[in-house]
Protein backbone atom coordinates (compact mmCIF):
# COMPACT_ATOMS: atom_id res chain seq x y z
CA MET A 1 -11.71 -7.13 9.33
CA LEU A 2 -10.18 -5.62 6.22
CA LYS A 3 -7.27 -7.86 4.56
CA ILE A 4 -5.03 -6.00 2.35
CA CYS A 5 -2.41 -7.55 0.04
CA CYS A 6 0.54 -5.32 -0.48
CA ARG A 7 3.24 -5.76 -3.32
CA ILE A 8 6.45 -4.21 -3.84
CA THR A 9 7.27 -4.45 -7.82
CA SER A 10 10.46 -3.65 -9.95
CA LYS A 11 10.52 -4.20 -13.68
CA GLU A 12 6.81 -5.97 -13.24
CA LYS A 13 8.21 -8.60 -10.91
CA ILE A 14 7.21 -9.13 -7.23
CA ILE A 15 10.06 -8.36 -4.61
CA LYS A 16 8.14 -8.45 -1.76
CA GLN A 17 4.44 -9.28 -0.63
CA ASN A 18 2.57 -9.46 2.65
CA ILE A 19 -1.24 -9.72 3.80
CA ILE A 20 -2.13 -7.78 6.59
CA GLN A 21 -5.48 -7.75 8.40
CA PHE A 22 -6.95 -4.33 10.04
CA ASP A 23 -10.06 -3.71 11.80
CA GLU A 24 -11.66 -1.33 9.62
CA ARG A 25 -13.73 0.52 12.07
CA GLU A 26 -10.72 1.61 14.29
CA VAL A 27 -7.73 2.52 11.72
CA THR A 28 -7.42 5.28 9.13
CA PHE A 29 -6.12 4.90 5.74
CA TYR A 30 -2.78 6.60 6.96
CA GLN A 31 -2.38 4.09 9.65
CA ILE A 32 -2.99 1.33 7.11
CA VAL A 33 -0.28 2.57 4.79
CA LYS A 34 2.02 3.18 7.49
CA THR A 35 1.73 -0.26 8.89
CA ILE A 36 2.28 -1.62 5.34
CA CYS A 37 5.56 -0.01 4.74
CA GLU A 38 6.91 -0.73 8.41
CA SER A 39 6.18 -4.27 7.60
CA LEU A 40 7.79 -4.16 4.35
CA ASP A 41 10.74 -1.98 5.65
CA ILE A 42 10.31 0.95 3.39
CA PRO A 43 9.78 4.59 3.64
CA THR A 44 6.02 5.95 3.99
CA PRO A 45 4.86 7.35 0.79
CA VAL A 46 2.98 10.92 0.28
CA ILE A 47 -0.57 9.90 0.41
CA LEU A 48 -3.19 11.75 -1.66
CA MET A 49 -6.80 11.55 -1.75
CA LYS A 50 -6.37 9.86 -5.08
CA HIS A 51 -5.01 7.16 -3.46
CA LEU A 52 -7.98 6.59 -0.65
CA TYR A 53 -10.41 6.79 -3.57
CA ASP A 54 -8.94 4.12 -5.84
CA LEU A 55 -8.87 1.89 -2.77
CA LYS A 56 -12.20 2.62 -1.71
CA LYS A 57 -13.77 2.40 -5.31
CA PHE A 58 -11.65 -0.23 -6.94
CA GLY A 59 -10.10 -2.02 -4.15
CA ILE A 60 -6.68 -1.37 -5.56
CA SER A 61 -4.10 1.52 -5.10
CA HIS A 62 -0.57 2.07 -6.08
CA PHE A 63 2.08 4.27 -5.19
CA SER A 64 4.99 5.28 -7.52
CA ASN A 65 8.49 6.76 -7.44
CA GLY A 66 6.63 10.15 -7.58
CA ASP A 67 4.92 9.40 -4.22
CA PHE A 68 7.74 8.89 -2.08
CA VAL A 69 10.00 11.76 -0.72
CA GLU A 70 12.88 9.49 -0.28
CA LYS A 71 14.78 7.41 -2.80
CA ILE A 72 13.51 3.77 -3.33
CA ASP A 73 14.77 0.98 -5.03
CA PHE A 74 11.71 -0.37 -6.56
CA ASP A 75 8.88 0.75 -9.14
CA LYS A 76 5.55 0.56 -7.40
CA LEU A 77 3.94 -0.25 -3.99
CA LEU A 78 0.43 -2.05 -4.75
CA LEU A 79 -2.14 -2.18 -2.13
CA GLU A 80 -5.02 -4.62 -2.96
CA VAL A 81 -8.15 -5.41 -0.98
CA VAL A 82 -8.40 -9.34 -0.54
CA LYS A 83 -11.97 -10.22 -1.13
CA GLU A 84 -13.19 -13.31 1.02
């Protein structure tokens, strides 16, 4: 199982936070991001290879204003792998 902690921040303060579990053998990175965005009720950002690389290599990835096509009312969406 893969646990992802997702946080929405604005001015360095956490606005929303959620932890979601995924079966890592049956889910793609796009499906992870889409599920997280739906759970937080925000638009899905544009996903680049950089985001996938950062999550795999460092266990953390973030999406800023420039990664969203639609206007958003927060500064950053942060995804972090929860270590058990």
